[in-house]
Protein backbone atom coordinates (compact mmCIF):
# COMPACT_ATOMS: atom_id res chain seq x y z
CA MET A 1 -37.86 -14.56 3.00
CA GLU A 2 -39.03 -11.31 1.66
CA SER A 3 -38.73 -9.72 5.21
CA GLN A 4 -35.24 -10.98 5.39
CA SER A 5 -34.14 -9.83 1.93
CA LEU A 6 -35.48 -6.32 3.04
CA PHE A 7 -33.57 -6.18 6.40
CA ASP A 8 -30.35 -7.31 4.55
CA THR A 9 -30.76 -4.57 1.95
CA VAL A 10 -31.58 -2.01 4.59
CA GLN A 11 -28.43 -3.14 6.56
CA ASP A 12 -26.28 -2.79 3.37
CA TYR A 13 -27.35 0.66 2.54
CA LEU A 14 -27.44 2.01 5.92
CA LYS A 15 -23.47 1.59 5.79
CA LEU A 16 -23.37 4.26 3.15
CA GLU A 17 -23.59 6.81 5.74
CA ARG A 18 -19.91 6.09 6.88
CA ILE A 19 -18.31 5.61 3.86
CA GLU A 20 -15.34 7.63 2.65
CA MET A 21 -13.59 8.31 -0.60
CA PHE A 22 -9.92 9.43 -1.57
CA GLY A 23 -8.59 10.76 -4.74
CA LEU A 24 -9.24 13.78 -7.15
CA LYS A 25 -12.81 12.91 -7.63
CA ALA A 26 -13.58 11.98 -4.00
CA LYS A 27 -15.78 14.96 -3.24
CA SER A 28 -17.96 14.59 -6.07
CA LEU A 29 -18.29 11.10 -5.80
CA LEU A 30 -19.04 11.02 -2.13
CA SER A 31 -21.70 13.67 -2.93
CA MET A 32 -23.23 11.36 -5.37
CA ILE A 33 -23.20 8.50 -2.77
CA ASN A 34 -24.76 10.85 -0.12
CA ASN A 35 -27.60 11.43 -2.69
CA ILE A 36 -28.40 7.96 -2.95
CA TYR A 37 -28.16 7.41 0.63
CA GLU A 38 -30.94 10.26 1.20
CA GLU A 39 -33.05 8.92 -1.49
CA PHE A 40 -32.87 5.48 0.20
CA ILE A 41 -33.73 6.79 3.52
CA LYS A 42 -36.80 8.42 2.14
CA LEU A 43 -37.89 5.33 0.37
CA TYR A 44 -37.43 2.91 3.49
CA GLN A 45 -39.34 5.54 5.45
CA GLN A 46 -42.37 4.86 3.28
CA PHE A 47 -42.80 1.36 4.91
CA GLY A 48 -43.27 3.30 8.34
CA ASP A 49 -46.00 5.20 6.95
CA VAL A 50 -48.36 2.46 5.40
CA SER A 51 -51.75 1.78 7.01
CA TYR A 52 -51.74 -2.05 6.75
CA GLU A 53 -49.95 -4.61 8.77
CA VAL A 54 -46.86 -5.77 7.02
CA LEU A 55 -46.46 -8.96 9.04
CA MET A 56 -50.04 -10.30 7.96
CA PRO A 57 -49.37 -13.28 5.36
CA GLU A 58 -52.52 -12.41 3.52
CA GLU A 59 -51.65 -8.80 2.94
CA GLU A 60 -50.77 -8.58 -0.82
CA GLN A 61 -50.10 -4.82 -0.71
CA PHE A 62 -47.08 -5.45 1.33
CA THR A 63 -45.79 -7.69 -1.62
CA ALA A 64 -46.57 -5.08 -4.12
CA ASP A 65 -44.92 -2.20 -2.23
CA LEU A 66 -41.65 -4.35 -1.77
CA ASN A 67 -41.37 -5.28 -5.43
CA GLU A 68 -41.58 -1.56 -6.20
CA PHE A 69 -39.05 -0.85 -3.28
CA PHE A 70 -36.57 -3.38 -4.99
CA ALA A 71 -36.93 -2.08 -8.46
CA SER A 72 -35.69 1.32 -6.99
CA ILE A 73 -32.86 -0.50 -5.08
CA GLU A 74 -31.85 -2.12 -8.39
CA GLN A 75 -31.39 1.26 -9.99
CA PHE A 76 -29.44 2.47 -6.64
CA ASP A 77 -27.30 -0.52 -7.09
CA ARG A 78 -26.36 0.39 -10.65
CA ARG A 79 -25.78 3.96 -9.63
CA LEU A 80 -23.33 2.82 -6.78
CA ALA A 81 -21.63 0.45 -8.98
CA SER A 82 -20.77 3.19 -11.50
CA ILE A 83 -19.63 5.36 -8.76
CA PHE A 84 -17.46 2.84 -7.11
CA ASP A 85 -16.01 1.88 -10.61
CA GLN A 86 -14.91 5.45 -10.80
CA ALA A 87 -13.33 5.27 -7.38
CA PHE A 88 -11.38 2.32 -8.49
CA ALA A 89 -9.83 4.34 -11.23
CA GLU A 90 -8.59 6.74 -8.78
CA CYS A 91 -6.48 3.90 -6.99
CA TYR A 92 -2.87 4.08 -7.79
CA SER A 93 -1.48 1.07 -5.75
CA LEU A 94 -2.24 -2.12 -4.40
CA GLU A 95 -2.74 -0.68 -0.99
CA SER A 96 -5.07 1.79 -2.18
CA PHE A 97 -7.28 -0.92 -3.97
CA PHE A 98 -7.44 -3.02 -0.67
CA LYS A 99 -8.37 0.03 1.36
CA PHE A 100 -11.11 0.72 -1.10
CA VAL A 101 -12.43 -2.70 -0.96
CA TRP A 102 -12.56 -2.54 2.64
CA ILE A 103 -14.39 0.71 2.54
CA MET A 104 -16.96 -0.68 0.33
CA GLY A 105 -17.51 -3.66 2.73
CA VAL A 106 -20.68 -5.95 2.07
CA THR A 107 -22.29 -3.38 -0.13
CA ALA A 108 -19.87 -4.34 -2.99
CA ASN A 109 -21.00 -8.08 -2.69
CA ARG A 110 -24.53 -7.35 -3.91
CA PRO A 111 -25.20 -9.03 -7.01
CA ILE A 112 -25.50 -6.15 -9.52
CA ILE A 113 -22.58 -4.10 -7.99
CA MET A 114 -20.30 -7.40 -7.91
CA ALA A 115 -21.15 -8.07 -11.52
CA GLN A 116 -20.04 -4.47 -12.60
CA LEU A 117 -16.97 -4.09 -10.38
CA TRP A 118 -15.59 -7.71 -11.54
CA HIS A 119 -13.00 -6.39 -13.87
CA ASN A 120 -11.58 -4.48 -10.88
CA TYR A 121 -11.18 -7.43 -8.76
CA GLU A 122 -9.38 -9.17 -11.88
CA GLU A 123 -7.09 -6.17 -12.01
CA ILE A 124 -6.25 -6.76 -8.32
CA ILE A 125 -5.26 -10.16 -8.92
CA GLN A 126 -3.08 -9.19 -11.85
CA ARG A 127 -1.36 -6.68 -9.56
CA VAL A 128 -0.65 -9.02 -7.00
CA ASP A 129 0.47 -11.17 -9.20
CA GLN A 130 2.91 -8.75 -10.70
CA HIS A 131 3.97 -7.77 -7.41
CA PHE A 132 5.06 -11.34 -6.57
CA SER A 133 6.98 -11.31 -9.83
CA ASP A 134 8.68 -7.93 -9.04
CA LEU A 135 9.82 -9.24 -5.78
CA LYS A 136 11.42 -12.32 -7.28
CA VAL A 137 13.15 -10.08 -9.83
CA LEU A 138 14.38 -8.03 -6.90
CA PHE A 139 15.47 -11.18 -5.00
CA ASP A 140 17.65 -12.41 -7.90
CA LYS A 141 19.11 -9.10 -8.73
CA ASN A 142 20.56 -9.04 -5.26
CA PHE A 143 21.42 -12.61 -4.50
CA ASN A 144 21.51 -14.58 -7.69
CA SER A 145 23.53 -11.71 -9.86
CA GLY A 146 26.67 -13.63 -9.28
CA LYS A 147 28.33 -10.15 -8.45
CA ASP A 148 30.57 -10.45 -5.26
CA ASN A 149 29.97 -6.67 -4.29
CA GLU A 150 26.16 -6.81 -4.80
CA LEU A 151 25.48 -7.54 -1.00
CA SER A 152 27.52 -4.57 0.16
CA THR A 153 25.25 -2.33 -1.85
CA LEU A 154 22.00 -3.12 -0.10
CA ASN A 155 22.46 -0.72 2.80
CA SER A 156 25.56 1.68 3.04
CA HIS A 157 24.83 2.17 6.85
CA LEU A 158 24.72 -1.50 7.80
CA PRO A 159 27.65 -4.28 7.80
CA VAL A 160 27.18 -6.89 4.85
CA VAL A 161 25.35 -9.63 6.71
CA SER A 162 22.96 -7.44 8.82
CA ALA A 163 22.09 -5.50 5.60
CA SER A 164 21.10 -8.81 3.68
CA LEU A 165 19.29 -10.31 6.67
CA CYS A 166 17.32 -6.95 7.06
CA PHE A 167 16.74 -6.85 3.27
CA LEU A 168 15.24 -10.26 3.38
CA MET A 169 13.02 -9.45 6.29
CA ARG A 170 11.51 -6.45 4.37
CA LEU A 171 11.26 -8.67 1.27
CA ARG A 172 9.12 -11.14 3.43
CA LYS A 173 6.85 -8.24 4.74
CA ARG A 174 6.20 -7.19 1.19
CA THR A 175 5.56 -10.88 0.24
CA LEU A 176 3.14 -11.35 3.24
CA LEU A 177 1.27 -8.06 2.92
CA PRO A 178 -1.12 -8.60 -0.08
CA ILE A 179 -1.82 -12.26 1.10
CA GLU A 180 -3.06 -10.88 4.70
CA CYS A 181 -5.10 -7.94 2.82
CA MET A 182 -6.79 -10.68 0.54
CA LYS A 183 -7.74 -12.70 3.42
CA LEU A 184 -9.73 -9.83 4.83
CA ILE A 185 -11.78 -9.75 1.37
CA ASP A 186 -14.88 -11.79 0.89
CA HIS A 187 -15.11 -12.13 -2.88
CA PRO A 188 -15.40 -15.23 -5.02
CA LEU A 189 -12.85 -14.30 -7.48
CA ILE A 190 -10.38 -13.29 -4.88
CA ASN A 191 -10.97 -16.54 -2.80
CA ASP A 192 -10.35 -18.63 -5.79
CA LYS A 193 -7.44 -17.06 -7.40
CA MET A 194 -5.59 -17.10 -3.96
CA GLU A 195 -5.89 -20.66 -3.42
CA HIS A 196 -5.34 -21.80 -6.88
CA VAL A 197 -2.95 -19.29 -8.50
CA LEU A 198 -1.28 -16.87 -6.17
CA LYS A 199 -0.70 -19.23 -3.16
CA ASP A 200 2.13 -21.11 -5.20
CA LYS A 201 3.77 -17.85 -6.12
CA TYR A 202 3.66 -16.93 -2.34
CA GLU A 203 4.94 -20.08 -0.91
CA GLU A 204 7.77 -20.22 -3.55
CA LEU A 205 8.89 -16.77 -2.41
CA GLU A 206 8.83 -17.66 1.29
CA ALA A 207 10.71 -20.71 0.49
CA ILE A 208 13.58 -19.03 -1.29
CA ILE A 209 13.48 -16.13 1.11
CA ASP A 210 13.89 -18.64 4.22
CA GLU A 211 16.51 -20.73 2.47
CA LYS A 212 18.72 -17.54 1.52
CA GLU A 213 18.36 -16.18 4.95
CA LYS A 214 19.38 -19.49 6.57
CA GLU A 215 22.41 -19.61 4.13
CA ILE A 216 23.53 -16.23 5.04
CA PHE A 217 23.21 -16.73 8.53
CA THR A 218 24.76 -20.02 8.84
CA ALA A 219 27.67 -19.06 6.85
CA TRP A 220 28.44 -15.89 9.04
CA ALA A 221 27.89 -17.77 12.23
CA GLU A 222 30.53 -20.73 11.31
CA LYS A 223 33.03 -17.77 10.47
CA LEU A 224 32.74 -16.34 14.04
CA PRO A 225 34.91 -18.95 15.85
CA GLU A 226 37.84 -18.52 13.31
CA ILE A 227 37.68 -14.66 13.55
CA TRP A 228 38.01 -14.72 17.38
CA GLU A 229 40.59 -17.32 17.28
CA THR A 230 42.40 -15.37 14.66
CA HIS A 231 42.35 -11.71 15.92
CA LEU A 232 41.76 -12.19 19.63
CA THR A 233 45.30 -13.48 19.98
CA LYS A 234 47.10 -10.77 18.09
CA THR A 235 49.31 -8.26 19.95
CA LEU A 236 47.40 -5.09 21.11
CA LEU A 237 49.94 -2.69 19.13
CA ASN A 238 51.66 -2.79 15.79
CA VAL A 239 54.76 -1.05 15.03
CA ARG A 240 54.65 0.93 11.48
CA GLU A 241 57.68 1.52 9.30
CA ASP A 242 58.29 4.84 10.73
CA GLN A 243 58.62 3.40 14.23
CA GLN A 244 55.36 4.57 15.51
CA LEU A 245 52.64 2.75 17.23
CA GLU A 246 49.31 2.01 16.06
CA THR A 247 46.38 -0.16 17.73
CA ASN A 248 45.89 -3.46 16.52
CA PHE A 249 42.15 -4.24 17.23
CA ASP A 250 41.25 -5.78 13.78
CA PHE A 251 38.46 -4.72 11.72
CA ALA A 252 36.93 -8.06 11.37
CA LEU A 253 36.16 -7.83 15.22
CA LYS A 254 34.55 -4.47 14.88
CA THR A 255 32.42 -5.77 11.85
CA ALA A 256 31.45 -8.78 14.03
CA LEU A 257 30.55 -6.53 16.94
CA ARG A 258 28.26 -4.35 14.47
CA GLU A 259 26.83 -7.46 13.02
CA ILE A 260 25.62 -8.96 16.37
CA ARG A 261 24.54 -5.34 17.44
CA TYR A 262 21.91 -4.94 14.44
CA MET A 263 21.01 -8.76 14.64
CA ILE A 264 19.95 -8.14 18.24
CA ILE A 265 18.05 -5.07 17.39
CA ALA A 266 16.37 -6.80 14.50
CA LYS A 267 15.59 -9.68 16.93
CA ILE A 268 17.07 -12.26 14.61
CA PRO A 269 16.26 -15.69 16.19
CA ASP A 270 18.96 -18.35 16.85
CA LEU A 271 21.67 -15.96 17.43
CA PRO A 272 24.80 -18.22 18.86
CA GLN A 273 25.19 -17.69 22.67
CA GLU A 274 28.82 -17.28 22.03
CA ALA A 275 28.20 -14.23 20.00
CA ILE A 276 26.05 -12.73 22.58
CA ASP A 277 28.83 -13.19 25.15
CA PHE A 278 31.21 -11.40 22.66
CA TYR A 279 28.95 -8.55 22.14
CA ASN A 280 28.52 -8.24 26.00
CA ARG A 281 32.11 -7.68 26.07
CA SER A 282 31.98 -4.37 23.79
CA GLN A 283 32.22 -2.28 26.78
CA PHE A 284 35.62 -3.71 27.72
CA PHE A 285 36.85 -3.70 24.12
CA PHE A 286 35.89 0.04 23.80
CA ILE A 287 37.54 1.09 27.06
CA SER A 288 40.74 -1.01 26.14
CA THR A 289 41.03 0.40 22.50
CA TYR A 290 40.59 3.99 24.12
CA ASN A 291 43.12 3.75 26.50
CA LEU A 292 45.53 2.29 23.75
CA ASN A 293 44.73 4.98 21.48
CA LEU A 294 45.81 7.58 24.01
CA ILE A 295 49.00 5.85 24.21
CA VAL A 296 49.32 6.01 20.38
CA ASN A 297 48.73 9.47 20.45
CA TRP A 298 51.58 10.37 22.79
CA SER A 299 53.67 9.44 19.58
CA VAL A 300 56.43 7.71 21.57
CA PRO A 301 58.84 5.76 19.18
CA ALA A 302 58.39 2.11 19.77
CA LYS A 303 61.86 1.29 20.50
CA GLU A 304 61.66 3.33 23.87
CA PHE A 305 59.33 0.64 25.58
CA ILE A 306 58.84 -2.96 25.75
CA ILE A 307 55.15 -4.35 24.56
CA ARG A 308 54.03 -7.62 25.45
CA GLY A 309 50.41 -8.76 24.66
CA HIS A 310 49.06 -11.86 25.82
CA ASN A 311 45.70 -13.73 27.04
CA CYS A 312 44.79 -14.08 30.57
CA ASP A 313 41.74 -15.70 32.36
CA SER A 314 39.71 -13.35 34.72
CA GLN A 315 37.13 -15.48 36.79
CA ASN A 316 34.90 -17.46 34.14
CA GLN A 317 35.72 -15.78 30.99
CA ASN A 318 38.73 -15.37 28.68
CA SER A 319 39.70 -11.78 27.90
CA HIS A 320 42.64 -9.84 26.36
CA GLY A 321 45.07 -8.69 28.79
CA MET A 322 47.78 -6.22 27.98
CA THR A 323 50.94 -5.19 29.86
CA ILE A 324 52.99 -2.10 28.52
CA ILE A 325 56.21 -1.31 30.43
CA PHE A 326 58.00 1.77 29.52
CA SER A 327 61.99 1.39 29.54
CA THR A 328 62.08 4.46 31.80
CA GLU A 329 59.76 2.52 34.24
CA MET A 330 57.87 5.71 34.78
CA PHE A 331 54.57 4.27 33.57
CA LEU A 332 52.71 0.98 34.10
CA VAL A 333 49.43 0.13 32.37
CA ALA A 334 47.54 -3.30 33.31
CA ASN A 335 44.14 -3.95 31.95
CA ASN A 336 41.59 -6.55 33.25
CA GLY A 337 43.55 -7.78 36.32
CA CYS A 338 46.26 -9.54 34.40
CA LYS A 339 49.24 -10.48 36.32
């Protein structure tokens, strides 16, 4: 048992050679750790210089030297605990706390060091708990405030539904991060609090995020058939009051295409096949509206030609066809093979 304890201690202290620090005091703290490491190496090398056989059970001098060695190690532990405590004070965020715990490794689990650093692990638990509370407040502010225009402010560069789903994805990642980090920490307080305190908060956040994500996505998917039925059957061009033409590709169709595009990029699961098929026709819609805009830019009064918009089947898909015939019969435009 004495030999096993010696080997375990040696393994813990040899890891100090690769330890790193960060923060304003990093240089001075790291210098103090290096001093402890060098003192430990000198102390450990004394066992290589002894004249007796350390593996002989009847050798009493080994036990005496070992007790003296552990007395010095106890002092090293207290010095290390003080240094680690100062390093914890340099941590400014949850991420930095977790990184430093990983840097300390198993050395932080030595009894004296663990006891002196216990309050820092309590602070980690408090910060994680506050982190979950802040995420809940953020969720309620954006989705349970009762304001109709709240969702539109989530991301000015994305359409409303995609912005909401992307926001929920980021919220889920922020919820999962501390849990994944704590799973990599072997500490009795962390293990106990994660199982009996933080787990419930985490599961509650996961549940409301999943529910809201499903609610938003389902409501949007149910509106798609109505949008297509309403706007894909409209005439291709409108006549303004000043008898000039304007394209009639409804904004709802543009928004639907943008929503589907960003959902495909974000890899949103369970995207309806009809939505994917609709998005695959975006090139056709672009070419058609481009040609229509060319016609509109000619600024020919609407009364000079006849406009007829209708639907036609082309092979296995339904598409908009258009036929525009000028009254002078000088120009004929036919798109998508419509007859």
